[in-house]
Structure formats: structure tokens, C-alpha cells
């Protein structure tokens, strides 16, 4: 039952505020519907980010594998075409072999070294590392670097001289 105050104020069921007591702001809690909505949206966002990262990484790996396979095939095809160019220092044969690859946007540059390590033919803008590959390797090698591949393939002509293909 409400109690009348002696000062003549309206009756109240709430206790009177004390002058030294700090007033705490009342926290509004979220309703169960809001909590469930936030949980659902949070889970959806988490799943979208997780799947985007997974499939993005998978796509990049697949593209890298295809590019590596393409580079190995190019090396095998061009190597057989430039054997006689290495054997006889024939720049025209090398030029004709490189012309077939000139339109490929994935190929930045290609080099053919003769048996003395001198550049026999050059197309495009090969990397600095490709320019230093004249001594090369003993077998087809594909080196993965950031933003590019380096392919080095030894050329053994039927006539004897050895050369090196790098791109």
C-alpha cells in the first residue's frame, strides 16, 4: 500500500533516492529474438568468409598447377624444335620456334643459350634470373618464384653441342 510522505508528495511504491547514492543507468538486454538473429547472422558471416578463403586458395593452387604443366609442355615442345639451332648456331631456326610462342600472354620472355653460354636467341623480356641460367641444369627444372615461374631445360642436339632453354 502506498505511503503518503509528510512533504505532501504523491505516494510512491519506489523507495526514495538517497542524495549520496549514484544512479546506475539501466541496461537494456537484448530479447531472445535479437540474440538468435545475431547468432544466425554471425554464423552465416563466418561460413561465408571461411568458404571464400577455402575456395579462393583452392582456385589459386589449381591455376598454379595448370600454369606449371603448361610451362613443362612448352619446354618439351620448344626443346625439340631448337635442337638444330643449338647444333649449328642457327638463329633463324630458333626465331621460327620462338615465333609460335610469341602470342602467349603467360610467357614474358624466352632465351636460348648456345654451348658456350652465349645468348643465341631472345624473345620478350626474360627475368634477370633467366638471363643467368646459361649453365643451367641437367634436366628440365621448374622453379616457382613469387608471381612467376622459371623454366630451365637443357638442349642436347643430335650433332653433339648442348644448349640451354630458359623462360
Foldseek 3Di string as FASTA:
>chain_A
DFDADPVRDDTDPDDDDDPPDDDDDDDDDDDPVVVVVVVVVVVVVVVVVVVCVVVVVVVVVVVVVVVVVVVVVLCVVLLVQCLVCQVVLPLVSNVVSVVVVQPDPQDQKKFKFHLVLHTSDIDHDDDPVQNVCWVPDPAWDWDDDPPHIKTKGKHAHPNGIIMIMID
